[in-house]
Amino acid sequence: MKSEIYNPAKLDLKQKQMQQQEQDFYYFAYGSCMCPVDLQRSLGENTYPYVVGAAKLQGYRLGFYRYSQNRKSGVLDVIPDYAWVVHGVLYQLPWRCSHALDKREDVPSTLRRK
């Protein structure tokens, strides 16, 4: 019986191959979701391979405009404001992550994707 040595590069290659076989979507992250380690806690898988790069959302600004029932606190949100820009990170995530992301972001269950 041959034991295999742990190789993170090999795992990333497997993950990239899986990515090519399934549908995905772009996700503009700001606040704590910009950190792949923090996002990984919510999605349950390594998110580094999904980082596209730094991104800007022109015509929006950040603010605490929503209340999270799950967190029992205000949460950061973006709202239109032509004079501002929001800096963030663009991810290209597989669809299998969408439900966990919706849950993290407190998307009402009536609006969640099936």
C-alpha atoms as a PDB file:
ATOM      1  CA  MET A   1       0.000   0.000   0.000  1.00  0.00           C
ATOM      2  CA  LYS A   2       1.517   3.290  -1.086  1.00  0.00           C
ATOM      3  CA  SER A   3       0.886   6.404   1.025  1.00  0.00           C
ATOM      4  CA  GLU A   4       0.577   9.737  -0.725  1.00  0.00           C
ATOM      5  CA  ILE A   5       2.456  12.788   0.526  1.00  0.00           C
ATOM      6  CA  TYR A   6       0.322  15.876   1.163  1.00  0.00           C
ATOM      7  CA  ASN A   7       0.926  18.366  -1.624  1.00  0.00           C
ATOM      8  CA  PRO A   8      -1.133  21.612  -1.509  1.00  0.00           C
ATOM      9  CA  ALA A   9      -0.168  22.474  -5.095  1.00  0.00           C
ATOM     10  CA  LYS A  10      -1.718  19.191  -6.250  1.00  0.00           C
ATOM     11  CA  LEU A  11      -4.925  19.997  -4.361  1.00  0.00           C
ATOM     12  CA  ASP A  12      -5.096  23.443  -5.974  1.00  0.00           C
ATOM     13  CA  LEU A  13      -4.682  21.812  -9.380  1.00  0.00           C
ATOM     14  CA  LYS A  14      -7.551  19.406  -8.618  1.00  0.00           C
ATOM     15  CA  GLN A  15      -9.696  22.345  -7.475  1.00  0.00           C
ATOM     16  CA  LYS A  16      -8.894  24.292 -10.666  1.00  0.00           C
ATOM     17  CA  GLN A  17      -9.818  21.271 -12.782  1.00  0.00           C
ATOM     18  CA  MET A  18     -13.144  21.020 -10.939  1.00  0.00           C
ATOM     19  CA  GLN A  19     -13.687  24.758 -11.488  1.00  0.00           C
ATOM     20  CA  GLN A  20     -13.348  24.276 -15.252  1.00  0.00           C
ATOM     21  CA  GLN A  21     -16.081  21.627 -15.208  1.00  0.00           C
ATOM     22  CA  GLU A  22     -18.762  23.560 -13.330  1.00  0.00           C
ATOM     23  CA  GLN A  23     -20.557  26.860 -13.721  1.00  0.00           C
ATOM     24  CA  ASP A  24     -19.354  29.805 -11.716  1.00  0.00           C
ATOM     25  CA  PHE A  25     -20.195  33.410 -10.950  1.00  0.00           C
ATOM     26  CA  TYR A  26     -18.320  36.604 -10.115  1.00  0.00           C
ATOM     27  CA  TYR A  27     -18.585  37.919  -6.583  1.00  0.00           C
ATOM     28  CA  PHE A  28     -17.417  41.419  -5.603  1.00  0.00           C
ATOM     29  CA  ALA A  29     -16.278  41.206  -1.995  1.00  0.00           C
ATOM     30  CA  TYR A  30     -15.791  44.089   0.423  1.00  0.00           C
ATOM     31  CA  GLY A  31     -15.222  44.206   4.161  1.00  0.00           C
ATOM     32  CA  SER A  32     -14.407  40.892   5.813  1.00  0.00           C
ATOM     33  CA  CYS A  33     -15.198  38.876   2.663  1.00  0.00           C
ATOM     34  CA  MET A  34     -12.123  40.355   1.016  1.00  0.00           C
ATOM     35  CA  CYS A  35     -10.022  37.988   3.140  1.00  0.00           C
ATOM     36  CA  PRO A  36      -9.949  34.479   1.595  1.00  0.00           C
ATOM     37  CA  VAL A  37      -9.371  32.927   5.041  1.00  0.00           C
ATOM     38  CA  ASP A  38     -12.488  34.587   6.468  1.00  0.00           C
ATOM     39  CA  LEU A  39     -14.549  33.689   3.401  1.00  0.00           C
ATOM     40  CA  GLN A  40     -13.289  30.102   3.633  1.00  0.00           C
ATOM     41  CA  ARG A  41     -14.869  29.782   7.091  1.00  0.00           C
ATOM     42  CA  SER A  42     -18.285  30.466   5.573  1.00  0.00           C
ATOM     43  CA  LEU A  43     -17.930  28.525   2.337  1.00  0.00           C
ATOM     44  CA  GLY A  44     -16.147  25.502   3.776  1.00  0.00           C
ATOM     45  CA  GLU A  45     -13.402  25.317   1.178  1.00  0.00           C
ATOM     46  CA  ASN A  46     -10.155  27.007   0.187  1.00  0.00           C
ATOM     47  CA  THR A  47     -11.031  30.257  -1.602  1.00  0.00           C
ATOM     48  CA  TYR A  48      -7.539  31.408  -2.664  1.00  0.00           C
ATOM     49  CA  PRO A  49      -7.822  29.749  -6.105  1.00  0.00           C
ATOM     50  CA  TYR A  50     -11.000  31.746  -6.765  1.00  0.00           C
ATOM     51  CA  VAL A  51      -9.432  35.191  -6.296  1.00  0.00           C
ATOM     52  CA  VAL A  52      -9.404  37.094  -9.586  1.00  0.00           C
ATOM     53  CA  GLY A  53      -7.785  40.220  -8.117  1.00  0.00           C
ATOM     54  CA  ALA A  54      -8.336  43.681  -6.715  1.00  0.00           C
ATOM     55  CA  ALA A  55     -11.484  45.423  -7.953  1.00  0.00           C
ATOM     56  CA  LYS A  56     -13.364  48.733  -7.733  1.00  0.00           C
ATOM     57  CA  LEU A  57     -17.103  49.296  -7.637  1.00  0.00           C
ATOM     58  CA  GLN A  58     -17.539  52.753  -9.146  1.00  0.00           C
ATOM     59  CA  GLY A  59     -20.548  54.819  -8.092  1.00  0.00           C
ATOM     60  CA  TYR A  60     -21.136  53.182  -4.697  1.00  0.00           C
ATOM     61  CA  ARG A  61     -20.157  53.777  -1.078  1.00  0.00           C
ATOM     62  CA  LEU A  62     -19.981  51.707   2.075  1.00  0.00           C
ATOM     63  CA  GLY A  63     -22.122  52.137   5.155  1.00  0.00           C
ATOM     64  CA  PHE A  64     -23.946  50.271   7.888  1.00  0.00           C
ATOM     65  CA  TYR A  65     -27.443  50.418   6.392  1.00  0.00           C
ATOM     66  CA  ARG A  66     -28.739  46.914   7.164  1.00  0.00           C
ATOM     67  CA  TYR A  67     -29.449  44.970  10.314  1.00  0.00           C
ATOM     68  CA  SER A  68     -28.517  41.284  10.460  1.00  0.00           C
ATOM     69  CA  GLN A  69     -30.914  39.027  12.328  1.00  0.00           C
ATOM     70  CA  ASN A  70     -28.229  36.317  12.424  1.00  0.00           C
ATOM     71  CA  ARG A  71     -25.499  38.546  13.834  1.00  0.00           C
ATOM     72  CA  LYS A  72     -27.824  40.784  15.858  1.00  0.00           C
ATOM     73  CA  SER A  73     -25.977  43.877  14.647  1.00  0.00           C
ATOM     74  CA  GLY A  74     -25.576  46.288  11.783  1.00  0.00           C
ATOM     75  CA  VAL A  75     -23.749  44.976   8.723  1.00  0.00           C
ATOM     76  CA  LEU A  76     -21.742  46.713   6.053  1.00  0.00           C
ATOM     77  CA  ASP A  77     -23.553  47.322   2.777  1.00  0.00           C
ATOM     78  CA  VAL A  78     -23.041  49.246  -0.470  1.00  0.00           C
ATOM     79  CA  ILE A  79     -25.436  51.883  -1.728  1.00  0.00           C
ATOM     80  CA  PRO A  80     -25.385  53.944  -4.924  1.00  0.00           C
ATOM     81  CA  ASP A  81     -23.474  57.235  -4.699  1.00  0.00           C
ATOM     82  CA  TYR A  82     -21.945  58.453  -7.975  1.00  0.00           C
ATOM     83  CA  ALA A  83     -19.190  60.413  -6.220  1.00  0.00           C
ATOM     84  CA  TRP A  84     -17.671  57.398  -4.435  1.00  0.00           C
ATOM     85  CA  VAL A  85     -15.858  54.156  -5.185  1.00  0.00           C
ATOM     86  CA  VAL A  86     -15.680  50.944  -3.146  1.00  0.00           C
ATOM     87  CA  HIS A  87     -12.442  48.960  -3.237  1.00  0.00           C
ATOM     88  CA  GLY A  88     -12.674  45.208  -2.901  1.00  0.00           C
ATOM     89  CA  VAL A  89     -11.682  41.823  -4.249  1.00  0.00           C
ATOM     90  CA  LEU A  90     -13.244  40.024  -7.198  1.00  0.00           C
ATOM     91  CA  TYR A  91     -13.774  36.276  -6.821  1.00  0.00           C
ATOM     92  CA  GLN A  92     -14.881  33.768  -9.448  1.00  0.00           C
ATOM     93  CA  LEU A  93     -16.773  31.276  -7.285  1.00  0.00           C
ATOM     94  CA  PRO A  94     -18.375  27.959  -8.257  1.00  0.00           C
ATOM     95  CA  TRP A  95     -22.176  27.812  -8.028  1.00  0.00           C
ATOM     96  CA  ARG A  96     -21.944  25.211  -5.278  1.00  0.00           C
ATOM     97  CA  CYS A  97     -20.771  28.058  -2.976  1.00  0.00           C
ATOM     98  CA  SER A  98     -23.752  30.318  -3.690  1.00  0.00           C
ATOM     99  CA  HIS A  99     -26.048  28.907  -0.993  1.00  0.00           C
ATOM    100  CA  ALA A 100     -23.417  29.258   1.762  1.00  0.00           C
ATOM    101  CA  LEU A 101     -22.608  32.771   0.541  1.00  0.00           C
ATOM    102  CA  ASP A 102     -26.295  33.767   0.566  1.00  0.00           C
ATOM    103  CA  LYS A 103     -26.575  32.444   4.107  1.00  0.00           C
ATOM    104  CA  ARG A 104     -23.474  34.389   5.200  1.00  0.00           C
ATOM    105  CA  GLU A 105     -24.847  37.571   3.648  1.00  0.00           C
ATOM    106  CA  ASP A 106     -28.293  37.130   5.244  1.00  0.00           C
ATOM    107  CA  VAL A 107     -30.098  36.888   1.916  1.00  0.00           C
ATOM    108  CA  PRO A 108     -33.729  36.107   2.828  1.00  0.00           C
ATOM    109  CA  SER A 109     -34.595  32.469   2.138  1.00  0.00           C
ATOM    110  CA  THR A 110     -37.330  33.587  -0.285  1.00  0.00           C
ATOM    111  CA  LEU A 111     -34.650  35.187  -2.487  1.00  0.00           C
ATOM    112  CA  ARG A 112     -32.001  32.441  -2.259  1.00  0.00           C
ATOM    113  CA  ARG A 113     -31.083  30.433  -5.322  1.00  0.00           C
ATOM    114  CA  LYS A 114     -32.132  26.798  -5.303  1.00  0.00           C
END
